[in-house]
Amino acid sequence: MRSINPGRIVAFVVLALFSLLMLAPFLWAINTSFKTEADAGASPVTILPASGYTWDTYTDLFQMGSIPVWMINSLVVAAGVTAITLVISALAGYAFSRLDFTGRKLLLGLTVASIMVPGTIFIVPLFDEMLAFNMVDTYWGMILPQVVAPVMVFILKRFFDSIPRELEDAARVDGAGSLRIFLQIVLPLSRPIIAAVAIFTFVGAWNNFLWPYIVTNDPNLMTLPVGLETVSTGFGIVFAENMAKSVLAALPLIVVFLFFQRQIIKGIATTGLGGQ
């Protein structure tokens, strides 16, 4: 029989407490979303509602808003941003990692420096560009301004640096060019970090509220976070409704994490270890 390690028990208890602490706000949101507004706004606050749990808040939201349409819009935008960002970031990261060209260090430095520039300062010029190209109230107007991700370029570049050059040299001896090496050697070896970058990009695009809010006026083109903000079932502070909106916006991302948590963890671990 294996002896029980007290240190492992303490570590497990501490991790469990931290996990519960992180989950507490979301669990509270779920609990509140199933209360009536009277119970949700009651003082003092109670965990169990006096009137019992109800689906009324969710029913009202689905009746007043086009939530399925907004979910589809969010999916289209997030998937589009993810696909284009992966292509651009992977190619740029590989170029910075492997190709020698004039101004490479300068461009890499500018790319890294741009990470520190807040994206909000580009909102006005970006909106002017969308107006000039007739992209307001279009999917492309929501997608294209989000595909520039210097932090993803840097992450992928660092991972590509960790791949042994001997593999590429052997492929060049066999007559392979840079594009073939990238597609058939580098990308298959980079699946963990590619998956992690894809999921982080998808989550960021799904959660993005400000830019879709600015560039869309058509209710049928709104993303889920923007659409939920336009509907309300009451006046004043509606605690149950706000919590229900938060749950609806977060639920798809939780499903994504549950399905891809192994890839997320592996990608983060691989990046932290330099690809080893």
Protein backbone atom coordinates (compact mmCIF):
# COMPACT_ATOMS: atom_id res chain seq x y z
CA MET A 1 0.00 0.00 0.00
CA ARG A 2 1.38 3.39 -1.02
CA SER A 3 2.06 5.82 1.80
CA ILE A 4 0.19 9.12 1.79
CA ASN A 5 2.43 12.11 1.20
CA PRO A 6 1.29 14.99 3.46
CA GLY A 7 2.89 17.50 1.12
CA ARG A 8 0.78 16.30 -1.82
CA ILE A 9 -2.37 16.50 0.29
CA VAL A 10 -1.60 20.09 1.29
CA ALA A 11 -0.84 21.00 -2.32
CA PHE A 12 -4.09 19.42 -3.48
CA VAL A 13 -6.12 21.27 -0.85
CA VAL A 14 -4.49 24.60 -1.74
CA LEU A 15 -5.11 24.06 -5.46
CA ALA A 16 -8.71 23.04 -4.78
CA LEU A 17 -9.28 26.21 -2.75
CA PHE A 18 -7.77 28.38 -5.48
CA SER A 19 -9.92 26.61 -8.08
CA LEU A 20 -13.03 27.21 -6.01
CA LEU A 21 -12.03 30.86 -5.58
CA MET A 22 -11.69 31.24 -9.35
CA LEU A 23 -15.00 29.48 -10.04
CA ALA A 24 -16.97 31.30 -7.34
CA PRO A 25 -17.93 34.37 -9.45
CA PHE A 26 -19.21 32.23 -12.31
CA LEU A 27 -21.09 29.89 -9.98
CA TRP A 28 -22.63 32.93 -8.30
CA ALA A 29 -23.65 34.28 -11.72
CA ILE A 30 -25.32 30.99 -12.62
CA ASN A 31 -27.13 30.86 -9.28
CA THR A 32 -28.33 34.47 -9.56
CA SER A 33 -29.45 34.08 -13.17
CA PHE A 34 -32.06 31.51 -12.11
CA LYS A 35 -33.56 33.78 -9.44
CA THR A 36 -36.40 36.23 -9.84
CA GLU A 37 -35.39 39.89 -9.91
CA ALA A 38 -36.94 40.33 -6.47
CA ASP A 39 -34.81 37.55 -4.98
CA ALA A 40 -31.68 38.61 -6.89
CA GLY A 41 -31.94 42.17 -5.58
CA ALA A 42 -33.03 41.28 -2.06
CA SER A 43 -31.10 42.53 0.95
CA PRO A 44 -29.47 40.81 2.70
CA VAL A 45 -28.23 38.65 -0.16
CA THR A 46 -29.02 34.95 0.14
CA ILE A 47 -27.69 31.99 -1.79
CA LEU A 48 -31.02 30.17 -2.05
CA PRO A 49 -33.93 32.21 -3.45
CA ALA A 50 -37.05 32.57 -1.34
CA SER A 51 -39.31 32.12 -4.37
CA GLY A 52 -37.40 29.20 -5.84
CA TYR A 53 -35.47 28.97 -9.08
CA THR A 54 -36.98 29.96 -12.41
CA TRP A 55 -36.14 30.00 -16.14
CA ASP A 56 -38.10 33.23 -16.67
CA THR A 57 -35.05 35.45 -17.19
CA TYR A 58 -33.62 33.22 -19.93
CA THR A 59 -37.06 32.84 -21.52
CA ASP A 60 -37.53 36.62 -21.63
CA LEU A 61 -34.08 37.18 -23.13
CA PHE A 62 -34.67 34.65 -25.90
CA GLN A 63 -38.07 36.15 -26.64
CA MET A 64 -36.81 39.74 -26.79
CA GLY A 65 -33.54 39.17 -28.65
CA SER A 66 -32.22 37.19 -31.62
CA ILE A 67 -29.80 35.19 -29.50
CA PRO A 68 -29.34 32.26 -31.95
CA VAL A 69 -28.55 34.75 -34.74
CA TRP A 70 -26.11 36.62 -32.52
CA MET A 71 -24.40 33.35 -31.57
CA ILE A 72 -23.97 32.46 -35.24
CA ASN A 73 -22.57 35.94 -35.94
CA SER A 74 -20.11 35.57 -33.06
CA LEU A 75 -19.08 32.16 -34.37
CA VAL A 76 -18.53 33.48 -37.91
CA VAL A 77 -16.52 36.46 -36.69
CA ALA A 78 -14.44 34.48 -34.18
CA ALA A 79 -13.74 31.68 -36.68
CA GLY A 80 -12.80 34.19 -39.39
CA VAL A 81 -10.48 36.11 -37.08
CA THR A 82 -8.88 32.88 -35.87
CA ALA A 83 -8.26 31.46 -39.36
CA ILE A 84 -6.76 34.64 -40.82
CA THR A 85 -4.73 35.40 -37.68
CA LEU A 86 -3.22 31.91 -37.73
CA VAL A 87 -2.15 32.22 -41.36
CA ILE A 88 -0.64 35.69 -40.94
CA SER A 89 0.99 35.02 -37.56
CA ALA A 90 2.44 31.64 -38.54
CA LEU A 91 3.96 32.94 -41.78
CA ALA A 92 5.30 36.09 -40.11
CA GLY A 93 6.67 34.13 -37.15
CA TYR A 94 8.43 31.68 -39.46
CA ALA A 95 9.89 34.52 -41.53
CA PHE A 96 11.27 36.22 -38.41
CA SER A 97 12.63 32.91 -37.12
CA ARG A 98 14.24 31.45 -40.23
CA LEU A 99 14.56 33.91 -43.11
CA ASP A 100 17.37 36.45 -43.42
CA PHE A 101 16.22 39.68 -45.02
CA THR A 102 17.07 43.35 -44.77
CA GLY A 103 15.49 45.02 -41.76
CA ARG A 104 14.46 41.77 -40.05
CA LYS A 105 15.61 42.84 -36.59
CA LEU A 106 14.04 46.28 -37.00
CA LEU A 107 10.70 44.82 -38.08
CA LEU A 108 10.79 42.29 -35.24
CA GLY A 109 11.53 45.07 -32.77
CA LEU A 110 8.63 47.13 -34.10
CA THR A 111 6.35 44.10 -33.89
CA VAL A 112 7.27 43.48 -30.26
CA ALA A 113 7.01 47.19 -29.44
CA SER A 114 3.52 47.35 -30.95
CA ILE A 115 2.34 44.93 -28.26
CA MET A 116 2.67 47.77 -25.76
CA VAL A 117 0.52 50.16 -27.82
CA PRO A 118 -3.15 50.16 -26.67
CA GLY A 119 -5.44 49.14 -29.49
CA THR A 120 -8.05 51.76 -28.58
CA ILE A 121 -5.96 54.54 -30.14
CA PHE A 122 -6.55 52.98 -33.57
CA ILE A 123 -10.35 52.88 -33.29
CA VAL A 124 -11.04 56.19 -35.06
CA PRO A 125 -8.70 55.63 -38.04
CA LEU A 126 -9.89 52.03 -38.37
CA PHE A 127 -13.50 53.15 -38.42
CA ASP A 128 -12.66 55.74 -41.09
CA GLU A 129 -11.09 52.96 -43.15
CA MET A 130 -14.13 50.76 -42.77
CA LEU A 131 -16.31 53.65 -43.95
CA ALA A 132 -14.05 54.26 -46.94
CA PHE A 133 -14.20 50.60 -47.98
CA ASN A 134 -17.95 50.26 -47.27
CA MET A 135 -17.30 47.62 -44.60
CA VAL A 136 -19.49 49.06 -41.85
CA ASP A 137 -22.24 46.58 -40.96
CA THR A 138 -20.41 43.68 -42.61
CA TYR A 139 -18.65 40.58 -41.32
CA TRP A 140 -15.39 41.73 -42.93
CA GLY A 141 -15.63 45.02 -41.08
CA MET A 142 -15.67 43.13 -37.80
CA ILE A 143 -13.06 40.53 -38.79
CA LEU A 144 -10.22 42.32 -40.61
CA PRO A 145 -9.25 44.89 -37.92
CA GLN A 146 -8.84 42.05 -35.40
CA VAL A 147 -6.48 39.82 -37.40
CA VAL A 148 -3.30 41.77 -36.61
CA ALA A 149 -1.90 40.03 -33.54
CA PRO A 150 1.77 40.88 -32.86
CA VAL A 151 1.79 38.91 -29.61
CA MET A 152 0.82 35.76 -31.54
CA VAL A 153 3.57 36.44 -34.08
CA PHE A 154 6.09 36.68 -31.26
CA ILE A 155 4.84 33.52 -29.54
CA LEU A 156 5.02 31.49 -32.75
CA LYS A 157 8.42 32.96 -33.63
CA ARG A 158 9.79 31.86 -30.26
CA PHE A 159 8.42 28.37 -30.78
CA PHE A 160 9.85 28.09 -34.30
CA ASP A 161 13.24 29.11 -32.87
CA SER A 162 13.19 25.95 -30.74
CA ILE A 163 12.76 23.59 -33.71
CA PRO A 164 16.16 22.10 -34.69
CA ARG A 165 17.46 23.57 -37.93
CA GLU A 166 18.98 20.19 -38.81
CA LEU A 167 15.52 18.95 -39.79
CA GLU A 168 15.15 21.76 -42.29
CA ASP A 169 18.70 21.37 -43.57
CA ALA A 170 18.03 17.70 -44.30
CA ALA A 171 14.88 18.65 -46.19
CA ARG A 172 16.77 21.23 -48.24
CA VAL A 173 19.29 18.58 -49.24
CA ASP A 174 16.36 16.61 -50.63
CA GLY A 175 15.31 19.63 -52.67
CA ALA A 176 12.54 21.07 -50.48
CA GLY A 177 11.93 24.81 -50.58
CA SER A 178 11.05 27.12 -47.69
CA LEU A 179 7.29 26.87 -48.21
CA ARG A 180 7.34 23.08 -48.39
CA ILE A 181 9.52 22.89 -45.28
CA PHE A 182 7.13 25.21 -43.47
CA LEU A 183 4.02 23.25 -44.46
CA GLN A 184 5.33 19.68 -44.14
CA ILE A 185 7.89 19.91 -41.33
CA VAL A 186 7.47 23.02 -39.20
CA LEU A 187 3.67 23.13 -38.95
CA PRO A 188 3.22 19.44 -37.98
CA LEU A 189 5.80 19.92 -35.21
CA SER A 190 4.00 23.06 -34.06
CA ARG A 191 0.53 21.61 -33.57
CA PRO A 192 0.40 22.20 -29.78
CA ILE A 193 1.26 25.89 -29.99
CA ILE A 194 -0.89 26.36 -33.11
CA ALA A 195 -3.85 24.91 -31.21
CA ALA A 196 -3.19 27.14 -28.20
CA VAL A 197 -2.87 30.27 -30.35
CA ALA A 198 -6.05 29.35 -32.24
CA ILE A 199 -8.06 28.90 -29.04
CA PHE A 200 -6.76 32.10 -27.42
CA THR A 201 -7.51 34.05 -30.60
CA PHE A 202 -11.00 32.55 -30.83
CA VAL A 203 -11.75 33.42 -27.21
CA GLY A 204 -10.48 36.97 -27.65
CA ALA A 205 -12.55 37.51 -30.80
CA TRP A 206 -15.65 36.01 -29.19
CA ASN A 207 -15.34 38.27 -26.14
CA ASN A 208 -14.55 41.42 -28.11
CA PHE A 209 -17.29 43.93 -27.42
CA LEU A 210 -15.94 47.37 -28.31
CA TRP A 211 -15.09 47.00 -31.99
CA PRO A 212 -18.21 45.05 -33.08
CA TYR A 213 -20.27 47.55 -31.07
CA ILE A 214 -18.73 50.46 -32.98
CA VAL A 215 -18.83 48.98 -36.48
CA THR A 216 -22.32 47.41 -36.48
CA ASN A 217 -25.77 48.97 -36.36
CA ASP A 218 -27.80 46.18 -37.96
CA PRO A 219 -29.33 43.96 -35.21
CA ASN A 220 -29.04 40.96 -37.53
CA LEU A 221 -25.25 41.38 -37.72
CA MET A 222 -24.55 41.98 -34.03
CA THR A 223 -22.35 39.56 -32.14
CA LEU A 224 -23.61 37.97 -28.93
CA PRO A 225 -21.96 40.40 -26.45
CA VAL A 226 -23.24 43.41 -28.42
CA GLY A 227 -26.70 41.97 -28.96
CA LEU A 228 -27.18 41.07 -25.31
CA GLU A 229 -26.38 44.65 -24.37
CA THR A 230 -29.25 45.94 -26.53
CA VAL A 231 -32.00 43.93 -24.83
CA SER A 232 -33.40 44.44 -21.36
CA THR A 233 -36.33 42.90 -19.55
CA GLY A 234 -36.71 45.63 -16.95
CA PHE A 235 -35.68 49.03 -15.62
CA GLY A 236 -32.95 50.02 -13.20
CA ILE A 237 -30.42 47.46 -12.02
CA VAL A 238 -31.56 44.00 -13.11
CA PHE A 239 -29.25 41.57 -11.35
CA ALA A 240 -30.74 38.31 -12.62
CA GLU A 241 -30.84 39.56 -16.21
CA ASN A 242 -27.23 40.76 -16.16
CA MET A 243 -26.06 37.47 -14.70
CA ALA A 244 -28.03 35.53 -17.33
CA LYS A 245 -26.38 37.60 -20.07
CA SER A 246 -22.95 36.83 -18.61
CA VAL A 247 -23.71 33.11 -18.49
CA LEU A 248 -24.97 33.06 -22.09
CA ALA A 249 -21.87 34.90 -23.31
CA ALA A 250 -19.46 32.66 -21.39
CA LEU A 251 -21.12 29.29 -21.93
CA PRO A 252 -19.82 28.66 -25.49
CA LEU A 253 -16.27 29.44 -24.36
CA ILE A 254 -16.57 26.99 -21.48
CA VAL A 255 -17.63 24.32 -23.96
CA VAL A 256 -14.60 25.16 -26.13
CA PHE A 257 -12.30 24.86 -23.13
CA LEU A 258 -13.80 21.53 -22.03
CA PHE A 259 -13.24 20.07 -25.49
CA PHE A 260 -9.75 21.53 -26.03
CA GLN A 261 -8.31 21.84 -22.53
CA ARG A 262 -5.59 19.28 -23.29
CA GLN A 263 -4.39 21.29 -26.30
CA ILE A 264 -4.51 24.53 -24.32
CA ILE A 265 -2.46 23.16 -21.43
CA LYS A 266 0.00 21.42 -23.74
CA GLY A 267 0.44 24.55 -25.83
CA ILE A 268 1.11 26.72 -22.77
CA ALA A 269 3.52 24.17 -21.30
CA THR A 270 5.33 23.74 -24.61
CA THR A 271 5.75 27.49 -25.00
CA GLY A 272 7.04 27.87 -21.47
CA LEU A 273 9.60 25.13 -22.01
CA GLY A 274 10.84 26.62 -25.26
CA GLY A 275 9.33 23.84 -27.35
CA GLN A 276 11.29 21.10 -25.63
